Amino acid sequence: MTTTAKPRTVRCPACGGPSEYSPANAWRPFCCERCKNHDFGAWASESYRVADPAVPGGDAAEGDTLPRH
């Protein structure tokens, strides 16, 4: 006897609605293509940013990301 496990449901990171987290959902973890594209657009327009690590010593000029030697 084979049993199929119920697909896991997670919260969509974009809209907060339920999203099936399984290979059957091509947009996982998003619930739909619209939510996936909305998130992609936020990254493309630089609404989301990865923080620049602080320069050790703190002697770098503003905007300078390389340590001075």
C-alpha atoms as a PDB file:
ATOM      1  CA  MET A   1       0.000   0.000   0.000  1.00  0.00           C
ATOM      2  CA  THR A   2       1.429   3.368  -0.963  1.00  0.00           C
ATOM      3  CA  THR A   3       0.442   6.516   0.767  1.00  0.00           C
ATOM      4  CA  THR A   4       1.010   9.949  -0.594  1.00  0.00           C
ATOM      5  CA  ALA A   5       1.975  12.559   1.923  1.00  0.00           C
ATOM      6  CA  LYS A   6      -0.049  15.731   1.987  1.00  0.00           C
ATOM      7  CA  PRO A   7       2.029  18.574   0.491  1.00  0.00           C
ATOM      8  CA  ARG A   8       3.369  21.037   3.029  1.00  0.00           C
ATOM      9  CA  THR A   9       1.664  24.433   3.067  1.00  0.00           C
ATOM     10  CA  VAL A  10       3.735  27.505   3.894  1.00  0.00           C
ATOM     11  CA  ARG A  11       3.009  31.217   4.039  1.00  0.00           C
ATOM     12  CA  CYS A  12       3.716  33.082   0.777  1.00  0.00           C
ATOM     13  CA  PRO A  13       6.529  35.595   1.480  1.00  0.00           C
ATOM     14  CA  ALA A  14       4.873  38.209  -0.739  1.00  0.00           C
ATOM     15  CA  CYS A  15       1.169  38.168   0.116  1.00  0.00           C
ATOM     16  CA  GLY A  16       1.050  35.999   3.241  1.00  0.00           C
ATOM     17  CA  GLY A  17      -1.469  33.601   1.747  1.00  0.00           C
ATOM     18  CA  PRO A  18      -1.152  29.819   1.754  1.00  0.00           C
ATOM     19  CA  SER A  19       1.345  28.330  -0.684  1.00  0.00           C
ATOM     20  CA  GLU A  20       1.909  24.659  -1.468  1.00  0.00           C
ATOM     21  CA  TYR A  21       5.596  23.878  -0.985  1.00  0.00           C
ATOM     22  CA  SER A  22       6.056  20.974  -3.369  1.00  0.00           C
ATOM     23  CA  PRO A  23       7.461  20.292  -6.844  1.00  0.00           C
ATOM     24  CA  ALA A  24       3.912  20.715  -8.175  1.00  0.00           C
ATOM     25  CA  ASN A  25       4.119  24.460  -7.377  1.00  0.00           C
ATOM     26  CA  ALA A  26       6.457  25.995  -9.964  1.00  0.00           C
ATOM     27  CA  TRP A  27       6.603  29.284  -8.029  1.00  0.00           C
ATOM     28  CA  ARG A  28       7.421  27.915  -4.566  1.00  0.00           C
ATOM     29  CA  PRO A  29       7.757  29.361  -1.984  1.00  0.00           C
ATOM     30  CA  PHE A  30       5.422  31.914  -3.588  1.00  0.00           C
ATOM     31  CA  CYS A  31       1.772  31.089  -4.171  1.00  0.00           C
ATOM     32  CA  CYS A  32       1.605  32.307  -7.753  1.00  0.00           C
ATOM     33  CA  GLU A  33       3.593  33.833 -10.602  1.00  0.00           C
ATOM     34  CA  ARG A  34       2.382  37.326  -9.678  1.00  0.00           C
ATOM     35  CA  CYS A  35       3.868  37.121  -6.162  1.00  0.00           C
ATOM     36  CA  LYS A  36       7.143  35.715  -7.521  1.00  0.00           C
ATOM     37  CA  ASN A  37       7.418  38.527 -10.085  1.00  0.00           C
ATOM     38  CA  HIS A  38       6.564  41.144  -7.475  1.00  0.00           C
ATOM     39  CA  ASP A  39       9.458  39.936  -5.305  1.00  0.00           C
ATOM     40  CA  PHE A  40      11.809  39.779  -8.303  1.00  0.00           C
ATOM     41  CA  GLY A  41      10.840  43.347  -9.229  1.00  0.00           C
ATOM     42  CA  ALA A  42      11.672  44.537  -5.708  1.00  0.00           C
ATOM     43  CA  TRP A  43      15.174  43.050  -6.025  1.00  0.00           C
ATOM     44  CA  ALA A  44      15.599  44.489  -9.548  1.00  0.00           C
ATOM     45  CA  SER A  45      14.601  47.991  -8.419  1.00  0.00           C
ATOM     46  CA  GLU A  46      16.948  47.676  -5.418  1.00  0.00           C
ATOM     47  CA  SER A  47      14.154  47.865  -2.847  1.00  0.00           C
ATOM     48  CA  TYR A  48      15.934  44.991  -1.124  1.00  0.00           C
ATOM     49  CA  ARG A  49      19.639  45.364  -0.428  1.00  0.00           C
ATOM     50  CA  VAL A  50      22.327  43.265   1.153  1.00  0.00           C
ATOM     51  CA  ALA A  51      24.196  45.216   3.807  1.00  0.00           C
ATOM     52  CA  ASP A  52      27.808  46.122   3.096  1.00  0.00           C
ATOM     53  CA  PRO A  53      30.042  44.715   5.842  1.00  0.00           C
ATOM     54  CA  ALA A  54      31.833  47.316   7.946  1.00  0.00           C
ATOM     55  CA  VAL A  55      35.449  47.963   7.131  1.00  0.00           C
ATOM     56  CA  PRO A  56      37.783  46.773   9.919  1.00  0.00           C
ATOM     57  CA  GLY A  57      39.462  49.669  11.713  1.00  0.00           C
ATOM     58  CA  GLY A  58      36.903  52.224  10.567  1.00  0.00           C
ATOM     59  CA  ASP A  59      39.533  54.372   8.785  1.00  0.00           C
ATOM     60  CA  ALA A  60      38.090  54.044   5.277  1.00  0.00           C
ATOM     61  CA  ALA A  61      36.557  57.045   3.565  1.00  0.00           C
ATOM     62  CA  GLU A  62      32.782  57.087   3.145  1.00  0.00           C
ATOM     63  CA  GLY A  63      31.785  54.771   0.295  1.00  0.00           C
ATOM     64  CA  ASP A  64      35.218  53.138   0.217  1.00  0.00           C
ATOM     65  CA  THR A  65      34.791  49.390   0.677  1.00  0.00           C
ATOM     66  CA  LEU A  66      38.453  48.329   0.484  1.00  0.00           C
ATOM     67  CA  PRO A  67      40.750  48.594   3.509  1.00  0.00           C
ATOM     68  CA  ARG A  68      43.633  51.000   3.097  1.00  0.00           C
ATOM     69  CA  HIS A  69      47.186  49.707   3.450  1.00  0.00           C
END
